[in-house]
Amino acid sequence: PWEGVLVRIEGMPLSVVALPGSSE
């Protein structure tokens, strides 16, 4: 339902949990 929509995700904080490659 949110494909293409400008969205916002929040956290305290949002922690980086993985580096799958391809600069993502």
mmCIF file of all heavy atoms, coordinates in Angstrom:
data_MODEL
# 
_entry.id   MODEL 
# 
loop_
_atom_site.group_PDB 
_atom_site.id 
_atom_site.type_symbol 
_atom_site.label_atom_id 
_atom_site.label_alt_id 
_atom_site.label_comp_id 
_atom_site.label_asym_id 
_atom_site.label_entity_id 
_atom_site.label_seq_id 
_atom_site.pdbx_PDB_ins_code 
_atom_site.Cartn_x 
_atom_site.Cartn_y 
_atom_site.Cartn_z 
_atom_site.occupancy 
_atom_site.B_iso_or_equiv 
_atom_site.pdbx_formal_charge 
_atom_site.auth_seq_id 
_atom_site.auth_comp_id 
_atom_site.auth_asym_id 
_atom_site.auth_atom_id 
_atom_site.pdbx_PDB_model_num 
ATOM 1   N N   . PRO A 1 1  ? 0.805  -1.230 0.000  1.00 0.00 ? 1  PRO A N   1 
ATOM 2   C CA  . PRO A 1 1  ? 0.000  0.000  0.000  1.00 0.00 ? 1  PRO A CA  1 
ATOM 3   C C   . PRO A 1 1  ? 0.835  1.276  0.000  1.00 0.00 ? 1  PRO A C   1 
ATOM 4   O O   . PRO A 1 1  ? 0.347  2.338  -0.402 1.00 0.00 ? 1  PRO A O   1 
ATOM 5   C CB  . PRO A 1 1  ? -0.830 -0.121 1.280  1.00 0.00 ? 1  PRO A CB  1 
ATOM 6   C CG  . PRO A 1 1  ? -0.861 -1.579 1.586  1.00 0.00 ? 1  PRO A CG  1 
ATOM 7   C CD  . PRO A 1 1  ? 0.475  -2.089 1.146  1.00 0.00 ? 1  PRO A CD  1 
ATOM 8   N N   . TRP A 1 2  ? 2.079  1.187  0.469  1.00 0.00 ? 2  TRP A N   1 
ATOM 9   C CA  . TRP A 1 2  ? 2.924  2.373  0.585  1.00 0.00 ? 2  TRP A CA  1 
ATOM 10  C C   . TRP A 1 2  ? 3.948  2.491  -0.540 1.00 0.00 ? 2  TRP A C   1 
ATOM 11  O O   . TRP A 1 2  ? 4.776  3.402  -0.524 1.00 0.00 ? 2  TRP A O   1 
ATOM 12  C CB  . TRP A 1 2  ? 3.642  2.367  1.938  1.00 0.00 ? 2  TRP A CB  1 
ATOM 13  C CG  . TRP A 1 2  ? 2.692  2.442  3.093  1.00 0.00 ? 2  TRP A CG  1 
ATOM 14  C CD1 . TRP A 1 2  ? 2.315  1.428  3.916  1.00 0.00 ? 2  TRP A CD1 1 
ATOM 15  C CD2 . TRP A 1 2  ? 1.983  3.604  3.527  1.00 0.00 ? 2  TRP A CD2 1 
ATOM 16  N NE1 . TRP A 1 2  ? 1.417  1.873  4.843  1.00 0.00 ? 2  TRP A NE1 1 
ATOM 17  C CE2 . TRP A 1 2  ? 1.188  3.205  4.629  1.00 0.00 ? 2  TRP A CE2 1 
ATOM 18  C CE3 . TRP A 1 2  ? 1.934  4.929  3.094  1.00 0.00 ? 2  TRP A CE3 1 
ATOM 19  C CZ2 . TRP A 1 2  ? 0.355  4.092  5.310  1.00 0.00 ? 2  TRP A CZ2 1 
ATOM 20  C CZ3 . TRP A 1 2  ? 1.110  5.821  3.764  1.00 0.00 ? 2  TRP A CZ3 1 
ATOM 21  C CH2 . TRP A 1 2  ? 0.327  5.405  4.856  1.00 0.00 ? 2  TRP A CH2 1 
ATOM 22  N N   . GLU A 1 3  ? 3.899  1.587  -1.519 1.00 0.00 ? 3  GLU A N   1 
ATOM 23  C CA  . GLU A 1 3  ? 4.856  1.634  -2.625 1.00 0.00 ? 3  GLU A CA  1 
ATOM 24  C C   . GLU A 1 3  ? 4.788  2.987  -3.335 1.00 0.00 ? 3  GLU A C   1 
ATOM 25  O O   . GLU A 1 3  ? 3.726  3.452  -3.733 1.00 0.00 ? 3  GLU A O   1 
ATOM 26  C CB  . GLU A 1 3  ? 4.556  0.524  -3.624 1.00 0.00 ? 3  GLU A CB  1 
ATOM 27  C CG  . GLU A 1 3  ? 5.555  0.465  -4.782 1.00 0.00 ? 3  GLU A CG  1 
ATOM 28  C CD  . GLU A 1 3  ? 5.127  -0.565 -5.816 1.00 0.00 ? 3  GLU A CD  1 
ATOM 29  O OE1 . GLU A 1 3  ? 4.315  -0.213 -6.699 1.00 0.00 ? 3  GLU A OE1 1 
ATOM 30  O OE2 . GLU A 1 3  ? 5.598  -1.715 -5.729 1.00 0.00 ? 3  GLU A OE2 1 
ATOM 31  N N   . GLY A 1 4  ? 5.948  3.635  -3.499 1.00 0.00 ? 4  GLY A N   1 
ATOM 32  C CA  . GLY A 1 4  ? 6.017  4.920  -4.181 1.00 0.00 ? 4  GLY A CA  1 
ATOM 33  C C   . GLY A 1 4  ? 5.688  6.115  -3.324 1.00 0.00 ? 4  GLY A C   1 
ATOM 34  O O   . GLY A 1 4  ? 5.872  7.263  -3.756 1.00 0.00 ? 4  GLY A O   1 
ATOM 35  N N   . VAL A 1 5  ? 5.207  5.894  -2.090 1.00 0.00 ? 5  VAL A N   1 
ATOM 36  C CA  . VAL A 1 5  ? 4.795  6.985  -1.210 1.00 0.00 ? 5  VAL A CA  1 
ATOM 37  C C   . VAL A 1 5  ? 5.989  7.479  -0.399 1.00 0.00 ? 5  VAL A C   1 
ATOM 38  O O   . VAL A 1 5  ? 6.851  6.700  0.003  1.00 0.00 ? 5  VAL A O   1 
ATOM 39  C CB  . VAL A 1 5  ? 3.666  6.522  -0.268 1.00 0.00 ? 5  VAL A CB  1 
ATOM 40  C CG1 . VAL A 1 5  ? 3.265  7.630  0.704  1.00 0.00 ? 5  VAL A CG1 1 
ATOM 41  C CG2 . VAL A 1 5  ? 2.451  6.062  -1.072 1.00 0.00 ? 5  VAL A CG2 1 
ATOM 42  N N   . LEU A 1 6  ? 6.042  8.773  -0.143 1.00 0.00 ? 6  LEU A N   1 
ATOM 43  C CA  . LEU A 1 6  ? 7.060  9.360  0.721  1.00 0.00 ? 6  LEU A CA  1 
ATOM 44  C C   . LEU A 1 6  ? 6.736  8.986  2.163  1.00 0.00 ? 6  LEU A C   1 
ATOM 45  O O   . LEU A 1 6  ? 5.695  9.375  2.695  1.00 0.00 ? 6  LEU A O   1 
ATOM 46  C CB  . LEU A 1 6  ? 7.075  10.881 0.551  1.00 0.00 ? 6  LEU A CB  1 
ATOM 47  C CG  . LEU A 1 6  ? 8.114  11.668 1.365  1.00 0.00 ? 6  LEU A CG  1 
ATOM 48  C CD1 . LEU A 1 6  ? 9.527  11.273 0.974  1.00 0.00 ? 6  LEU A CD1 1 
ATOM 49  C CD2 . LEU A 1 6  ? 7.899  13.168 1.182  1.00 0.00 ? 6  LEU A CD2 1 
ATOM 50  N N   . VAL A 1 7  ? 7.629  8.200  2.790  1.00 0.00 ? 7  VAL A N   1 
ATOM 51  C CA  . VAL A 1 7  ? 7.356  7.677  4.132  1.00 0.00 ? 7  VAL A CA  1 
ATOM 52  C C   . VAL A 1 7  ? 8.456  8.088  5.103  1.00 0.00 ? 7  VAL A C   1 
ATOM 53  O O   . VAL A 1 7  ? 9.523  8.573  4.713  1.00 0.00 ? 7  VAL A O   1 
ATOM 54  C CB  . VAL A 1 7  ? 7.220  6.138  4.117  1.00 0.00 ? 7  VAL A CB  1 
ATOM 55  C CG1 . VAL A 1 7  ? 6.069  5.704  3.225  1.00 0.00 ? 7  VAL A CG1 1 
ATOM 56  C CG2 . VAL A 1 7  ? 8.533  5.473  3.681  1.00 0.00 ? 7  VAL A CG2 1 
ATOM 57  N N   . ARG A 1 8  ? 8.172  7.836  6.386  1.00 0.00 ? 8  ARG A N   1 
ATOM 58  C CA  . ARG A 1 8  ? 9.122  8.147  7.457  1.00 0.00 ? 8  ARG A CA  1 
ATOM 59  C C   . ARG A 1 8  ? 9.080  7.013  8.476  1.00 0.00 ? 8  ARG A C   1 
ATOM 60  O O   . ARG A 1 8  ? 7.998  6.617  8.928  1.00 0.00 ? 8  ARG A O   1 
ATOM 61  C CB  . ARG A 1 8  ? 8.741  9.465  8.142  1.00 0.00 ? 8  ARG A CB  1 
ATOM 62  C CG  . ARG A 1 8  ? 9.585  9.830  9.370  1.00 0.00 ? 8  ARG A CG  1 
ATOM 63  C CD  . ARG A 1 8  ? 9.043  11.111 10.001 1.00 0.00 ? 8  ARG A CD  1 
ATOM 64  N NE  . ARG A 1 8  ? 9.757  11.499 11.214 1.00 0.00 ? 8  ARG A NE  1 
ATOM 65  C CZ  . ARG A 1 8  ? 10.868 12.232 11.235 1.00 0.00 ? 8  ARG A CZ  1 
ATOM 66  N NH1 . ARG A 1 8  ? 11.374 12.651 10.081 1.00 0.00 ? 8  ARG A NH1 1 
ATOM 67  N NH2 . ARG A 1 8  ? 11.466 12.553 12.358 1.00 0.00 ? 8  ARG A NH2 1 
ATOM 68  N N   . ILE A 1 9  ? 10.248 6.461  8.797  1.00 0.00 ? 9  ILE A N   1 
ATOM 69  C CA  . ILE A 1 9  ? 10.351 5.466  9.857  1.00 0.00 ? 9  ILE A CA  1 
ATOM 70  C C   . ILE A 1 9  ? 11.218 6.051  10.957 1.00 0.00 ? 9  ILE A C   1 
ATOM 71  O O   . ILE A 1 9  ? 12.164 6.803  10.698 1.00 0.00 ? 9  ILE A O   1 
ATOM 72  C CB  . ILE A 1 9  ? 10.932 4.131  9.347  1.00 0.00 ? 9  ILE A CB  1 
ATOM 73  C CG1 . ILE A 1 9  ? 12.279 4.346  8.636  1.00 0.00 ? 9  ILE A CG1 1 
ATOM 74  C CG2 . ILE A 1 9  ? 9.946  3.450  8.416  1.00 0.00 ? 9  ILE A CG2 1 
ATOM 75  C CD1 . ILE A 1 9  ? 12.961 3.049  8.207  1.00 0.00 ? 9  ILE A CD1 1 
ATOM 76  N N   . GLU A 1 10 ? 10.885 5.722  12.202 1.00 0.00 ? 10 GLU A N   1 
ATOM 77  C CA  . GLU A 1 10 ? 11.577 6.299  13.348 1.00 0.00 ? 10 GLU A CA  1 
ATOM 78  C C   . GLU A 1 10 ? 12.024 5.207  14.304 1.00 0.00 ? 10 GLU A C   1 
ATOM 79  O O   . GLU A 1 10 ? 11.516 4.092  14.288 1.00 0.00 ? 10 GLU A O   1 
ATOM 80  C CB  . GLU A 1 10 ? 10.656 7.283  14.076 1.00 0.00 ? 10 GLU A CB  1 
ATOM 81  C CG  . GLU A 1 10 ? 10.204 8.462  13.230 1.00 0.00 ? 10 GLU A CG  1 
ATOM 82  C CD  . GLU A 1 10 ? 9.269  9.391  13.977 1.00 0.00 ? 10 GLU A CD  1 
ATOM 83  O OE1 . GLU A 1 10 ? 8.721  8.970  15.020 1.00 0.00 ? 10 GLU A OE1 1 
ATOM 84  O OE2 . GLU A 1 10 ? 9.081  10.541 13.527 1.00 0.00 ? 10 GLU A OE2 1 
ATOM 85  N N   . GLY A 1 11 ? 12.975 5.555  15.173 1.00 0.00 ? 11 GLY A N   1 
ATOM 86  C CA  . GLY A 1 11 ? 13.442 4.628  16.191 1.00 0.00 ? 11 GLY A CA  1 
ATOM 87  C C   . GLY A 1 11 ? 14.197 5.374  17.267 1.00 0.00 ? 11 GLY A C   1 
ATOM 88  O O   . GLY A 1 11 ? 14.377 6.593  17.184 1.00 0.00 ? 11 GLY A O   1 
ATOM 89  N N   . MET A 1 12 ? 14.659 4.649  18.293 1.00 0.00 ? 12 MET A N   1 
ATOM 90  C CA  . MET A 1 12 ? 15.389 5.301  19.390 1.00 0.00 ? 12 MET A CA  1 
ATOM 91  C C   . MET A 1 12 ? 16.754 4.646  19.626 1.00 0.00 ? 12 MET A C   1 
ATOM 92  O O   . MET A 1 12 ? 17.060 4.239  20.751 1.00 0.00 ? 12 MET A O   1 
ATOM 93  C CB  . MET A 1 12 ? 14.539 5.248  20.660 1.00 0.00 ? 12 MET A CB  1 
ATOM 94  C CG  . MET A 1 12 ? 13.260 6.041  20.573 1.00 0.00 ? 12 MET A CG  1 
ATOM 95  S SD  . MET A 1 12 ? 13.506 7.824  20.362 1.00 0.00 ? 12 MET A SD  1 
ATOM 96  C CE  . MET A 1 12 ? 14.204 8.280  21.948 1.00 0.00 ? 12 MET A CE  1 
ATOM 97  N N   . PRO A 1 13 ? 17.682 4.615  18.676 1.00 0.00 ? 13 PRO A N   1 
ATOM 98  C CA  . PRO A 1 13 ? 17.469 4.984  17.279 1.00 0.00 ? 13 PRO A CA  1 
ATOM 99  C C   . PRO A 1 13 ? 17.115 3.750  16.447 1.00 0.00 ? 13 PRO A C   1 
ATOM 100 O O   . PRO A 1 13 ? 16.934 2.661  16.977 1.00 0.00 ? 13 PRO A O   1 
ATOM 101 C CB  . PRO A 1 13 ? 18.844 5.511  16.877 1.00 0.00 ? 13 PRO A CB  1 
ATOM 102 C CG  . PRO A 1 13 ? 19.791 4.625  17.664 1.00 0.00 ? 13 PRO A CG  1 
ATOM 103 C CD  . PRO A 1 13 ? 19.088 4.326  18.973 1.00 0.00 ? 13 PRO A CD  1 
ATOM 104 N N   . LEU A 1 14 ? 17.052 3.951  15.120 1.00 0.00 ? 14 LEU A N   1 
ATOM 105 C CA  . LEU A 1 14 ? 16.991 2.842  14.181 1.00 0.00 ? 14 LEU A CA  1 
ATOM 106 C C   . LEU A 1 14 ? 18.418 2.321  14.023 1.00 0.00 ? 14 LEU A C   1 
ATOM 107 O O   . LEU A 1 14 ? 19.275 2.999  13.471 1.00 0.00 ? 14 LEU A O   1 
ATOM 108 C CB  . LEU A 1 14 ? 16.469 3.298  12.820 1.00 0.00 ? 14 LEU A CB  1 
ATOM 109 C CG  . LEU A 1 14 ? 14.994 3.685  12.720 1.00 0.00 ? 14 LEU A CG  1 
ATOM 110 C CD1 . LEU A 1 14 ? 14.756 4.443  11.419 1.00 0.00 ? 14 LEU A CD1 1 
ATOM 111 C CD2 . LEU A 1 14 ? 14.110 2.455  12.789 1.00 0.00 ? 14 LEU A CD2 1 
ATOM 112 N N   . SER A 1 15 ? 18.685 1.141  14.493 1.00 0.00 ? 15 SER A N   1 
ATOM 113 C CA  . SER A 1 15 ? 20.048 0.617  14.480 1.00 0.00 ? 15 SER A CA  1 
ATOM 114 C C   . SER A 1 15 ? 20.346 -0.113 13.175 1.00 0.00 ? 15 SER A C   1 
ATOM 115 O O   . SER A 1 15 ? 19.490 -0.831 12.650 1.00 0.00 ? 15 SER A O   1 
ATOM 116 C CB  . SER A 1 15 ? 20.259 -0.345 15.653 1.00 0.00 ? 15 SER A CB  1 
ATOM 117 O OG  . SER A 1 15 ? 20.134 0.341  16.889 1.00 0.00 ? 15 SER A OG  1 
ATOM 118 N N   . VAL A 1 16 ? 21.559 0.068  12.666 1.00 0.00 ? 16 VAL A N   1 
ATOM 119 C CA  . VAL A 1 16 ? 22.009 -0.700 11.512 1.00 0.00 ? 16 VAL A CA  1 
ATOM 120 C C   . VAL A 1 16 ? 22.279 -2.124 11.991 1.00 0.00 ? 16 VAL A C   1 
ATOM 121 O O   . VAL A 1 16 ? 23.096 -2.337 12.886 1.00 0.00 ? 16 VAL A O   1 
ATOM 122 C CB  . VAL A 1 16 ? 23.280 -0.083 10.896 1.00 0.00 ? 16 VAL A CB  1 
ATOM 123 C CG1 . VAL A 1 16 ? 23.781 -0.939 9.740  1.00 0.00 ? 16 VAL A CG1 1 
ATOM 124 C CG2 . VAL A 1 16 ? 23.017 1.343  10.438 1.00 0.00 ? 16 VAL A CG2 1 
ATOM 125 N N   . VAL A 1 17 ? 21.572 -3.081 11.399 1.00 0.00 ? 17 VAL A N   1 
ATOM 126 C CA  . VAL A 1 17 ? 21.684 -4.462 11.859 1.00 0.00 ? 17 VAL A CA  1 
ATOM 127 C C   . VAL A 1 17 ? 22.385 -5.370 10.858 1.00 0.00 ? 17 VAL A C   1 
ATOM 128 O O   . VAL A 1 17 ? 22.789 -6.479 11.214 1.00 0.00 ? 17 VAL A O   1 
ATOM 129 C CB  . VAL A 1 17 ? 20.286 -5.047 12.190 1.00 0.00 ? 17 VAL A CB  1 
ATOM 130 C CG1 . VAL A 1 17 ? 19.661 -4.295 13.348 1.00 0.00 ? 17 VAL A CG1 1 
ATOM 131 C CG2 . VAL A 1 17 ? 19.371 -5.015 10.972 1.00 0.00 ? 17 VAL A CG2 1 
ATOM 132 N N   . ALA A 1 18 ? 22.525 -4.926 9.609  1.00 0.00 ? 18 ALA A N   1 
ATOM 133 C CA  . ALA A 1 18 ? 23.195 -5.770 8.613  1.00 0.00 ? 18 ALA A CA  1 
ATOM 134 C C   . ALA A 1 18 ? 23.659 -4.920 7.447  1.00 0.00 ? 18 ALA A C   1 
ATOM 135 O O   . ALA A 1 18 ? 23.078 -3.867 7.143  1.00 0.00 ? 18 ALA A O   1 
ATOM 136 C CB  . ALA A 1 18 ? 22.257 -6.873 8.110  1.00 0.00 ? 18 ALA A CB  1 
ATOM 137 N N   . LEU A 1 19 ? 24.723 -5.389 6.789  1.00 0.00 ? 19 LEU A N   1 
ATOM 138 C CA  . LEU A 1 19 ? 25.265 -4.753 5.586  1.00 0.00 ? 19 LEU A CA  1 
ATOM 139 C C   . LEU A 1 19 ? 25.238 -5.803 4.481  1.00 0.00 ? 19 LEU A C   1 
ATOM 140 O O   . LEU A 1 19 ? 26.201 -6.543 4.285  1.00 0.00 ? 19 LEU A O   1 
ATOM 141 C CB  . LEU A 1 19 ? 26.691 -4.259 5.836  1.00 0.00 ? 19 LEU A CB  1 
ATOM 142 C CG  . LEU A 1 19 ? 26.851 -3.244 6.971  1.00 0.00 ? 19 LEU A CG  1 
ATOM 143 C CD1 . LEU A 1 19 ? 28.320 -3.042 7.299  1.00 0.00 ? 19 LEU A CD1 1 
ATOM 144 C CD2 . LEU A 1 19 ? 26.203 -1.926 6.604  1.00 0.00 ? 19 LEU A CD2 1 
ATOM 145 N N   . PRO A 1 20 ? 24.130 -5.898 3.745  1.00 0.00 ? 20 PRO A N   1 
ATOM 146 C CA  . PRO A 1 20 ? 23.970 -6.977 2.768  1.00 0.00 ? 20 PRO A CA  1 
ATOM 147 C C   . PRO A 1 20 ? 24.750 -6.793 1.485  1.00 0.00 ? 20 PRO A C   1 
ATOM 148 O O   . PRO A 1 20 ? 24.752 -7.673 0.627  1.00 0.00 ? 20 PRO A O   1 
ATOM 149 C CB  . PRO A 1 20 ? 22.466 -6.954 2.483  1.00 0.00 ? 20 PRO A CB  1 
ATOM 150 C CG  . PRO A 1 20 ? 22.081 -5.533 2.700  1.00 0.00 ? 20 PRO A CG  1 
ATOM 151 C CD  . PRO A 1 20 ? 22.937 -5.043 3.827  1.00 0.00 ? 20 PRO A CD  1 
ATOM 152 N N   . GLY A 1 21 ? 25.415 -5.665 1.308  1.00 0.00 ? 21 GLY A N   1 
ATOM 153 C CA  . GLY A 1 21 ? 26.148 -5.393 0.086  1.00 0.00 ? 21 GLY A CA  1 
ATOM 154 C C   . GLY A 1 21 ? 25.412 -4.438 -0.812 1.00 0.00 ? 21 GLY A C   1 
ATOM 155 O O   . GLY A 1 21 ? 24.327 -3.934 -0.488 1.00 0.00 ? 21 GLY A O   1 
ATOM 156 N N   . SER A 1 22 ? 26.018 -4.152 -1.968 1.00 0.00 ? 22 SER A N   1 
ATOM 157 C CA  . SER A 1 22 ? 25.446 -3.242 -2.965 1.00 0.00 ? 22 SER A CA  1 
ATOM 158 C C   . SER A 1 22 ? 25.165 -1.866 -2.371 1.00 0.00 ? 22 SER A C   1 
ATOM 159 O O   . SER A 1 22 ? 24.211 -1.189 -2.778 1.00 0.00 ? 22 SER A O   1 
ATOM 160 C CB  . SER A 1 22 ? 24.158 -3.837 -3.556 1.00 0.00 ? 22 SER A CB  1 
ATOM 161 O OG  . SER A 1 22 ? 24.424 -5.065 -4.181 1.00 0.00 ? 22 SER A OG  1 
ATOM 162 N N   . SER A 1 23 ? 25.962 -1.448 -1.402 1.00 0.00 ? 23 SER A N   1 
ATOM 163 C CA  . SER A 1 23 ? 25.841 -0.118 -0.783 1.00 0.00 ? 23 SER A CA  1 
ATOM 164 C C   . SER A 1 23 ? 24.473 0.109  -0.165 1.00 0.00 ? 23 SER A C   1 
ATOM 165 O O   . SER A 1 23 ? 23.961 1.232  -0.148 1.00 0.00 ? 23 SER A O   1 
ATOM 166 C CB  . SER A 1 23 ? 26.157 0.978  -1.806 1.00 0.00 ? 23 SER A CB  1 
ATOM 167 O OG  . SER A 1 23 ? 27.489 0.897  -2.249 1.00 0.00 ? 23 SER A OG  1 
ATOM 168 N N   . GLU A 1 24 ? 23.861 -0.945 0.352  1.00 0.00 ? 24 GLU A N   1 
ATOM 169 C CA  . GLU A 1 24 ? 22.612 -0.837 1.084  1.00 0.00 ? 24 GLU A CA  1 
ATOM 170 C C   . GLU A 1 24 ? 22.832 -1.316 2.517  1.00 0.00 ? 24 GLU A C   1 
ATOM 171 O O   . GLU A 1 24 ? 23.849 -1.918 2.832  1.00 0.00 ? 24 GLU A O   1 
ATOM 172 C CB  . GLU A 1 24 ? 21.512 -1.655 0.404  1.00 0.00 ? 24 GLU A CB  1 
ATOM 173 C CG  . GLU A 1 24 ? 21.198 -1.176 -1.003 1.00 0.00 ? 24 GLU A CG  1 
ATOM 174 C CD  . GLU A 1 24 ? 20.134 -2.014 -1.689 1.00 0.00 ? 24 GLU A CD  1 
ATOM 175 O OE1 . GLU A 1 24 ? 19.906 -3.162 -1.271 1.00 0.00 ? 24 GLU A OE1 1 
ATOM 176 O OE2 . GLU A 1 24 ? 19.544 -1.516 -2.662 1.00 0.00 ? 24 GLU A OE2 1 
# 
